[in-house]
Amino acid sequence: ALILGRHIYVEFFVVMLPRRVQALIDIIIHLLGLALFIVIIWRLCVYGYSLQTGGEESATARIPLSPFAYSIALASIPVCLVFLLELINAIVRVVKR
């Protein structure tokens, strides 16, 4: 949904603002989204490392748990790249006007 631009926007008052202000709001939103996912990736890596050093495993199958935390962190990287691309596009829109 993020890549296709099909996520939900709350536009009832933003559409009344000038295009430049709309682009500035987009910059703020994409910066916050990027920061959020960077923190999520960082904390998942820290959590995965703590699971790895502690030797945590599932109770019955004895499957190591750390690869799951690392996998979720790795799967979140494309979301950061999309937020970065959208941030750059919003900055270009502000500069062009």
N, C-alpha and C. Protein backbone atom coordinates (compact mmCIF):
# COMPACT_ATOMS: atom_id res chain seq x y z
N ALA A 1 0.82 -1.19 0.00
CA ALA A 1 0.00 0.00 0.00
C ALA A 1 0.87 1.26 0.00
N LEU A 2 1.98 1.21 0.71
CA LEU A 2 2.87 2.38 0.77
C LEU A 2 3.47 2.68 -0.60
N ILE A 3 3.92 1.66 -1.29
CA ILE A 3 4.55 1.86 -2.60
C ILE A 3 3.53 2.38 -3.62
N LEU A 4 2.32 1.84 -3.57
CA LEU A 4 1.29 2.23 -4.53
C LEU A 4 0.58 3.51 -4.15
N GLY A 5 0.84 4.04 -2.95
CA GLY A 5 0.18 5.26 -2.51
C GLY A 5 -1.27 5.05 -2.15
N ARG A 6 -1.62 3.86 -1.70
CA ARG A 6 -3.01 3.55 -1.41
C ARG A 6 -3.32 3.52 0.08
N HIS A 7 -2.42 4.07 0.88
CA HIS A 7 -2.73 4.12 2.30
C HIS A 7 -3.65 5.31 2.58
N ILE A 8 -4.22 5.33 3.74
CA ILE A 8 -5.26 6.30 4.07
C ILE A 8 -4.63 7.66 4.39
N TYR A 9 -5.17 8.69 3.79
CA TYR A 9 -4.78 10.07 4.07
C TYR A 9 -5.94 10.78 4.74
N VAL A 10 -5.62 11.65 5.68
CA VAL A 10 -6.63 12.50 6.28
C VAL A 10 -6.46 13.86 5.62
N GLU A 11 -7.31 14.13 4.64
CA GLU A 11 -7.12 15.31 3.79
C GLU A 11 -8.15 16.41 4.00
N PHE A 12 -9.05 16.27 4.91
CA PHE A 12 -10.14 17.23 4.93
C PHE A 12 -9.70 18.66 5.16
N PHE A 13 -8.54 18.92 5.72
CA PHE A 13 -8.11 20.31 5.80
C PHE A 13 -6.79 20.55 5.07
N VAL A 14 -6.03 19.52 4.79
CA VAL A 14 -4.75 19.68 4.11
C VAL A 14 -4.95 20.11 2.66
N VAL A 15 -6.02 19.65 2.01
CA VAL A 15 -6.24 20.01 0.60
C VAL A 15 -6.54 21.50 0.44
N MET A 16 -6.92 22.17 1.51
CA MET A 16 -7.20 23.61 1.44
C MET A 16 -5.92 24.45 1.55
N LEU A 17 -4.82 23.82 1.90
CA LEU A 17 -3.55 24.53 2.04
C LEU A 17 -2.86 24.65 0.69
N PRO A 18 -1.94 25.61 0.56
CA PRO A 18 -1.18 25.73 -0.69
C PRO A 18 -0.33 24.47 -0.94
N ARG A 19 -0.01 24.24 -2.20
CA ARG A 19 0.74 23.03 -2.59
C ARG A 19 2.09 22.93 -1.86
N ARG A 20 2.75 24.05 -1.69
CA ARG A 20 4.05 24.04 -1.01
C ARG A 20 3.90 23.58 0.44
N VAL A 21 2.87 24.04 1.12
CA VAL A 21 2.63 23.63 2.50
C VAL A 21 2.27 22.15 2.55
N GLN A 22 1.50 21.68 1.57
CA GLN A 22 1.17 20.26 1.50
C GLN A 22 2.45 19.42 1.35
N ALA A 23 3.37 19.90 0.53
CA ALA A 23 4.63 19.18 0.34
C ALA A 23 5.46 19.20 1.63
N LEU A 24 5.44 20.32 2.35
CA LEU A 24 6.15 20.39 3.63
C LEU A 24 5.56 19.42 4.64
N ILE A 25 4.24 19.29 4.66
CA ILE A 25 3.59 18.32 5.54
C ILE A 25 3.99 16.91 5.14
N ASP A 26 4.07 16.65 3.83
CA ASP A 26 4.53 15.34 3.36
C ASP A 26 5.96 15.05 3.83
N ILE A 27 6.81 16.06 3.80
CA ILE A 27 8.19 15.89 4.27
C ILE A 27 8.20 15.47 5.73
N ILE A 28 7.42 16.16 6.54
CA ILE A 28 7.37 15.84 7.97
C ILE A 28 6.85 14.42 8.19
N ILE A 29 5.79 14.06 7.49
CA ILE A 29 5.19 12.73 7.65
C ILE A 29 6.18 11.64 7.23
N HIS A 30 6.86 11.85 6.10
CA HIS A 30 7.80 10.83 5.64
C HIS A 30 9.05 10.76 6.52
N LEU A 31 9.46 11.89 7.07
CA LEU A 31 10.57 11.87 8.02
C LEU A 31 10.21 11.09 9.27
N LEU A 32 8.99 11.31 9.78
CA LEU A 32 8.55 10.58 10.97
C LEU A 32 8.43 9.09 10.69
N GLY A 33 7.89 8.74 9.53
CA GLY A 33 7.78 7.32 9.17
C GLY A 33 9.14 6.66 9.03
N LEU A 34 10.07 7.36 8.39
CA LEU A 34 11.42 6.84 8.24
C LEU A 34 12.09 6.67 9.60
N ALA A 35 11.95 7.66 10.46
CA ALA A 35 12.54 7.57 11.80
C ALA A 35 11.94 6.41 12.59
N LEU A 36 10.63 6.24 12.49
CA LEU A 36 9.97 5.15 13.20
C LEU A 36 10.52 3.79 12.76
N PHE A 37 10.64 3.58 11.47
CA PHE A 37 11.11 2.29 11.00
C PHE A 37 12.60 2.08 11.25
N ILE A 38 13.37 3.15 11.28
CA ILE A 38 14.78 3.02 11.66
C ILE A 38 14.89 2.56 13.11
N VAL A 39 14.07 3.13 13.98
CA VAL A 39 14.07 2.72 15.39
C VAL A 39 13.59 1.28 15.51
N ILE A 40 12.56 0.90 14.76
CA ILE A 40 12.06 -0.47 14.81
C ILE A 40 13.16 -1.45 14.38
N ILE A 41 13.85 -1.15 13.29
CA ILE A 41 14.93 -2.03 12.82
C ILE A 41 16.05 -2.12 13.85
N TRP A 42 16.42 -0.99 14.40
CA TRP A 42 17.49 -0.96 15.40
C TRP A 42 17.12 -1.82 16.61
N ARG A 43 15.90 -1.63 17.13
CA ARG A 43 15.50 -2.37 18.33
C ARG A 43 15.34 -3.87 18.03
N LEU A 44 14.89 -4.21 16.84
CA LEU A 44 14.79 -5.63 16.48
C LEU A 44 16.18 -6.27 16.39
N CYS A 45 17.15 -5.53 15.89
CA CYS A 45 18.51 -6.06 15.85
C CYS A 45 19.07 -6.25 17.26
N VAL A 46 18.81 -5.29 18.14
CA VAL A 46 19.25 -5.42 19.53
C VAL A 46 18.56 -6.61 20.19
N TYR A 47 17.25 -6.74 19.95
CA TYR A 47 16.50 -7.86 20.51
C TYR A 47 17.00 -9.20 19.95
N GLY A 48 17.24 -9.25 18.65
CA GLY A 48 17.77 -10.47 18.04
C GLY A 48 19.12 -10.84 18.62
N TYR A 49 19.96 -9.84 18.84
CA TYR A 49 21.27 -10.11 19.42
C TYR A 49 21.14 -10.65 20.84
N SER A 50 20.21 -10.07 21.61
CA SER A 50 20.03 -10.57 22.98
C SER A 50 19.48 -12.00 22.97
N LEU A 51 18.60 -12.31 22.02
CA LEU A 51 18.12 -13.68 21.89
C LEU A 51 19.26 -14.62 21.49
N GLN A 52 20.12 -14.14 20.61
CA GLN A 52 21.23 -14.96 20.13
C GLN A 52 22.25 -15.23 21.23
N THR A 53 22.64 -14.18 21.96
CA THR A 53 23.64 -14.36 23.02
C THR A 53 23.07 -15.15 24.19
N GLY A 54 21.76 -15.06 24.40
CA GLY A 54 21.14 -15.82 25.47
C GLY A 54 20.82 -17.25 25.08
N GLY A 55 20.97 -17.57 23.80
CA GLY A 55 20.68 -18.92 23.34
C GLY A 55 19.21 -19.28 23.43
N GLU A 56 18.34 -18.29 23.26
CA GLU A 56 16.90 -18.53 23.38
C GLU A 56 16.40 -19.44 22.26
N GLU A 57 15.59 -20.41 22.63
CA GLU A 57 15.01 -21.35 21.68
C GLU A 57 13.55 -21.55 22.01
N SER A 58 12.79 -22.06 21.03
CA SER A 58 11.39 -22.41 21.31
C SER A 58 11.38 -23.60 22.27
N ALA A 59 10.31 -23.72 23.04
CA ALA A 59 10.27 -24.70 24.12
C ALA A 59 10.27 -26.14 23.61
N THR A 60 9.47 -26.44 22.63
CA THR A 60 9.33 -27.84 22.22
C THR A 60 10.22 -28.22 21.04
N ALA A 61 10.28 -27.40 20.01
CA ALA A 61 11.03 -27.75 18.81
C ALA A 61 12.50 -27.33 18.90
N ARG A 62 12.85 -26.54 19.91
CA ARG A 62 14.22 -26.08 20.13
C ARG A 62 14.77 -25.31 18.92
N ILE A 63 13.88 -24.50 18.31
CA ILE A 63 14.28 -23.66 17.17
C ILE A 63 14.81 -22.35 17.73
N PRO A 64 15.99 -21.90 17.29
CA PRO A 64 16.51 -20.61 17.76
C PRO A 64 15.56 -19.47 17.37
N LEU A 65 15.36 -18.53 18.29
CA LEU A 65 14.42 -17.44 18.07
C LEU A 65 15.05 -16.21 17.42
N SER A 66 16.35 -16.06 17.53
CA SER A 66 17.00 -14.86 17.01
C SER A 66 16.82 -14.66 15.50
N PRO A 67 16.83 -15.71 14.67
CA PRO A 67 16.64 -15.45 13.23
C PRO A 67 15.29 -14.81 12.90
N PHE A 68 14.29 -15.03 13.72
CA PHE A 68 12.99 -14.42 13.47
C PHE A 68 13.05 -12.90 13.67
N ALA A 69 13.72 -12.47 14.73
CA ALA A 69 13.87 -11.03 14.97
C ALA A 69 14.70 -10.38 13.86
N TYR A 70 15.78 -11.06 13.48
CA TYR A 70 16.61 -10.53 12.39
C TYR A 70 15.85 -10.49 11.07
N SER A 71 15.01 -11.49 10.83
CA SER A 71 14.22 -11.53 9.58
C SER A 71 13.23 -10.38 9.51
N ILE A 72 12.59 -10.08 10.63
CA ILE A 72 11.63 -8.97 10.64
C ILE A 72 12.36 -7.65 10.41
N ALA A 73 13.53 -7.51 11.02
CA ALA A 73 14.33 -6.29 10.81
C ALA A 73 14.74 -6.17 9.34
N LEU A 74 15.16 -7.26 8.75
CA LEU A 74 15.56 -7.26 7.35
C LEU A 74 14.37 -6.95 6.43
N ALA A 75 13.21 -7.47 6.77
CA ALA A 75 12.02 -7.23 5.96
C ALA A 75 11.52 -5.79 6.08
N SER A 76 11.96 -5.07 7.10
CA SER A 76 11.54 -3.68 7.28
C SER A 76 12.41 -2.70 6.50
N ILE A 77 13.53 -3.15 6.00
CA ILE A 77 14.43 -2.26 5.25
C ILE A 77 13.78 -1.69 3.99
N PRO A 78 13.05 -2.49 3.19
CA PRO A 78 12.40 -1.89 2.02
C PRO A 78 11.39 -0.80 2.37
N VAL A 79 10.76 -0.91 3.52
CA VAL A 79 9.83 0.15 3.95
C VAL A 79 10.60 1.44 4.17
N CYS A 80 11.78 1.35 4.76
CA CYS A 80 12.62 2.54 4.95
C CYS A 80 13.02 3.14 3.61
N LEU A 81 13.34 2.28 2.66
CA LEU A 81 13.74 2.78 1.34
C LEU A 81 12.58 3.50 0.64
N VAL A 82 11.37 2.98 0.81
CA VAL A 82 10.20 3.64 0.21
C VAL A 82 9.96 4.98 0.89
N PHE A 83 10.06 5.03 2.23
CA PHE A 83 9.90 6.30 2.93
C PHE A 83 10.98 7.29 2.48
N LEU A 84 12.20 6.82 2.28
CA LEU A 84 13.28 7.70 1.81
C LEU A 84 12.99 8.23 0.41
N LEU A 85 12.52 7.37 -0.47
CA LEU A 85 12.17 7.80 -1.83
C LEU A 85 11.05 8.83 -1.80
N GLU A 86 10.01 8.58 -1.01
CA GLU A 86 8.91 9.53 -0.91
C GLU A 86 9.36 10.85 -0.28
N LEU A 87 10.28 10.78 0.66
CA LEU A 87 10.83 11.98 1.27
C LEU A 87 11.59 12.81 0.24
N ILE A 88 12.40 12.16 -0.57
CA ILE A 88 13.14 12.86 -1.62
C ILE A 88 12.17 13.49 -2.62
N ASN A 89 11.13 12.76 -3.00
CA ASN A 89 10.13 13.31 -3.93
C ASN A 89 9.44 14.53 -3.34
N ALA A 90 9.13 14.50 -2.04
CA ALA A 90 8.48 15.64 -1.40
C ALA A 90 9.43 16.84 -1.34
N ILE A 91 10.70 16.58 -1.08
CA ILE A 91 11.69 17.67 -1.05
C ILE A 91 11.82 18.29 -2.44
N VAL A 92 11.83 17.46 -3.47
CA VAL A 92 11.91 17.97 -4.84
C VAL A 92 10.69 18.84 -5.16
N ARG A 93 9.50 18.42 -4.68
CA ARG A 93 8.29 19.22 -4.92
C ARG A 93 8.38 20.59 -4.24
N VAL A 94 8.98 20.64 -3.06
CA VAL A 94 9.13 21.93 -2.37
C VAL A 94 10.13 22.81 -3.10
N VAL A 95 11.22 22.24 -3.54
CA VAL A 95 12.27 23.02 -4.20
C VAL A 95 11.81 23.53 -5.56
N LYS A 96 11.04 22.74 -6.28
CA LYS A 96 10.58 23.14 -7.62
C LYS A 96 9.63 24.33 -7.58
N ARG A 97 8.93 24.51 -6.50
CA ARG A 97 7.91 25.56 -6.46
C ARG A 97 8.46 26.85 -5.94
